Each structure stands twice: as structure tokens, then as C-alpha cells.
């Protein structure tokens, strides 16, 4: 399909007014849905209940601190690349 061609699905949306912008702002979930054809969850409580139901942590575990002496690269060293 060329960039200036609309699919049949988009023609139907254009005729129904779904492709006509009513404001300059488009929310993130609508942009993602239009671009990647995916569904996103906007509701925080719904997302939380889904994560709880699937037993998935809501946040990543905290990272442990590391001893700088064990790092391969000394960030305080003068690098001359």
C-alpha cells in the first residue's frame, strides 16, 4: 500500500468521522492503538487488578548496591579515547 492510500477499514472510519481530529491532543493509548494496533490499559486500578490476578510484581525489584572496586571500569579514571 502506498502512503497516500487508505484501506477499506480506514475509509469506513473516515466516513463515520472517526478519523477527523477534534483537538490537537491525542492521548498515548490512542496513538499506540492507531500505530501498532494494540490495546493499552489507561485505568490504574484495572492494571493493578490484572497484575495482582496474574501474580506479577507491580514494580521491578530494587537493585543491590555494588562495590565500585569490583567494577571493570573505574568511572573516576581519566579516559583518553
C-alpha atoms as a PDB file:
ATOM      1  CA  UNK A   1       0.000   0.000   0.000  1.00  0.00           C
ATOM      2  CA  UNK A   2       1.354   3.432  -0.858  1.00  0.00           C
ATOM      3  CA  UNK A   3       1.488   6.194   1.787  1.00  0.00           C
ATOM      4  CA  UNK A   4      -1.412   8.092   0.163  1.00  0.00           C
ATOM      5  CA  UNK A   5      -3.788   5.116   0.061  1.00  0.00           C
ATOM      6  CA  UNK A   6      -6.403   4.307   2.685  1.00  0.00           C
ATOM      7  CA  UNK A   7      -7.556   0.786   3.407  1.00  0.00           C
ATOM      8  CA  UNK A   8     -11.252  -0.092   3.319  1.00  0.00           C
ATOM      9  CA  UNK A   9     -11.287  -0.137   7.125  1.00  0.00           C
ATOM     10  CA  UNK A  10      -9.926   3.419   7.213  1.00  0.00           C
ATOM     11  CA  UNK A  11     -12.399   4.626   4.552  1.00  0.00           C
ATOM     12  CA  UNK A  12     -15.239   3.432   6.794  1.00  0.00           C
ATOM     13  CA  UNK A  13     -13.678   5.233   9.745  1.00  0.00           C
ATOM     14  CA  UNK A  14     -13.245   8.380   7.646  1.00  0.00           C
ATOM     15  CA  UNK A  15     -16.892   8.336   6.541  1.00  0.00           C
ATOM     16  CA  UNK A  16     -18.103   7.820  10.107  1.00  0.00           C
ATOM     17  CA  UNK A  17     -15.976  10.740  11.335  1.00  0.00           C
ATOM     18  CA  UNK A  18     -13.580   8.657  13.422  1.00  0.00           C
ATOM     19  CA  UNK A  19     -10.528   9.979  11.552  1.00  0.00           C
ATOM     20  CA  UNK A  20     -11.448  13.640  11.915  1.00  0.00           C
ATOM     21  CA  UNK A  21      -9.419  15.392  14.617  1.00  0.00           C
ATOM     22  CA  UNK A  22     -11.492  17.200  17.212  1.00  0.00           C
ATOM     23  CA  UNK A  23      -8.473  18.535  19.136  1.00  0.00           C
ATOM     24  CA  UNK A  24      -4.714  18.826  18.636  1.00  0.00           C
ATOM     25  CA  UNK A  25      -4.160  16.485  21.611  1.00  0.00           C
ATOM     26  CA  UNK A  26      -4.297  12.718  21.172  1.00  0.00           C
ATOM     27  CA  UNK A  27      -3.820  10.546  24.241  1.00  0.00           C
ATOM     28  CA  UNK A  28      -0.996   7.993  24.347  1.00  0.00           C
ATOM     29  CA  UNK A  29      -3.192   4.895  24.253  1.00  0.00           C
ATOM     30  CA  UNK A  30      -4.998   6.117  21.115  1.00  0.00           C
ATOM     31  CA  UNK A  31      -1.685   6.794  19.372  1.00  0.00           C
ATOM     32  CA  UNK A  32      -0.367   3.341  20.282  1.00  0.00           C
ATOM     33  CA  UNK A  33      -3.583   1.714  19.135  1.00  0.00           C
ATOM     34  CA  UNK A  34      -3.529   3.535  15.800  1.00  0.00           C
ATOM     35  CA  UNK A  35       0.159   2.889  15.199  1.00  0.00           C
ATOM     36  CA  UNK A  36       0.620  -0.679  16.412  1.00  0.00           C
ATOM     37  CA  UNK A  37      -2.986  -1.946  16.542  1.00  0.00           C
ATOM     38  CA  UNK A  38      -2.659  -2.843  20.228  1.00  0.00           C
ATOM     39  CA  UNK A  39      -4.896  -2.237  23.233  1.00  0.00           C
ATOM     40  CA  UNK A  40      -3.490  -0.359  26.209  1.00  0.00           C
ATOM     41  CA  UNK A  41      -4.887  -0.086  29.710  1.00  0.00           C
ATOM     42  CA  UNK A  42      -5.352   3.517  30.888  1.00  0.00           C
ATOM     43  CA  UNK A  43      -7.115   2.747  34.153  1.00  0.00           C
ATOM     44  CA  UNK A  44      -4.606   2.357  37.015  1.00  0.00           C
ATOM     45  CA  UNK A  45      -6.950   0.267  39.174  1.00  0.00           C
ATOM     46  CA  UNK A  46      -7.686  -2.095  36.274  1.00  0.00           C
ATOM     47  CA  UNK A  47      -3.967  -2.505  35.564  1.00  0.00           C
ATOM     48  CA  UNK A  48      -3.296  -3.189  39.247  1.00  0.00           C
ATOM     49  CA  UNK A  49      -6.033  -5.813  39.454  1.00  0.00           C
ATOM     50  CA  UNK A  50      -4.719  -7.561  36.324  1.00  0.00           C
ATOM     51  CA  UNK A  51      -1.164  -7.632  37.714  1.00  0.00           C
ATOM     52  CA  UNK A  52      -2.450  -8.963  41.044  1.00  0.00           C
ATOM     53  CA  UNK A  53      -4.526 -11.640  39.304  1.00  0.00           C
ATOM     54  CA  UNK A  54      -1.503 -12.772  37.275  1.00  0.00           C
ATOM     55  CA  UNK A  55       0.782 -12.561  40.342  1.00  0.00           C
ATOM     56  CA  UNK A  56       3.120 -10.124  38.591  1.00  0.00           C
ATOM     57  CA  UNK A  57       5.048  -7.573  40.640  1.00  0.00           C
ATOM     58  CA  UNK A  58       3.835  -4.000  40.224  1.00  0.00           C
ATOM     59  CA  UNK A  59       7.380  -2.633  40.274  1.00  0.00           C
ATOM     60  CA  UNK A  60      10.763  -4.140  39.480  1.00  0.00           C
ATOM     61  CA  UNK A  61      12.785  -5.340  42.471  1.00  0.00           C
ATOM     62  CA  UNK A  62      15.290  -2.825  43.817  1.00  0.00           C
ATOM     63  CA  UNK A  63      18.843  -3.134  42.555  1.00  0.00           C
ATOM     64  CA  UNK A  64      21.538  -4.043  45.030  1.00  0.00           C
ATOM     65  CA  UNK A  65      24.389  -1.630  45.550  1.00  0.00           C
ATOM     66  CA  UNK A  66      27.764  -2.776  44.197  1.00  0.00           C
ATOM     67  CA  UNK A  67      31.250  -2.112  45.442  1.00  0.00           C
ATOM     68  CA  UNK A  68      32.897   0.279  42.939  1.00  0.00           C
ATOM     69  CA  UNK A  69      36.179  -1.600  43.404  1.00  0.00           C
ATOM     70  CA  UNK A  70      34.622  -4.652  41.728  1.00  0.00           C
ATOM     71  CA  UNK A  71      33.621  -2.760  38.576  1.00  0.00           C
ATOM     72  CA  UNK A  72      35.623  -3.416  35.392  1.00  0.00           C
ATOM     73  CA  UNK A  73      35.753   0.273  34.567  1.00  0.00           C
ATOM     74  CA  UNK A  74      36.755   2.937  37.042  1.00  0.00           C
ATOM     75  CA  UNK A  75      34.420   5.875  36.426  1.00  0.00           C
ATOM     76  CA  UNK A  76      36.845   8.241  38.176  1.00  0.00           C
ATOM     77  CA  UNK A  77      39.776   7.311  35.911  1.00  0.00           C
ATOM     78  CA  UNK A  78      40.854   9.755  33.251  1.00  0.00           C
ATOM     79  CA  UNK A  79      39.830   8.205  29.928  1.00  0.00           C
ATOM     80  CA  UNK A  80      41.638   9.391  26.836  1.00  0.00           C
ATOM     81  CA  UNK A  81      39.898   7.804  23.903  1.00  0.00           C
END
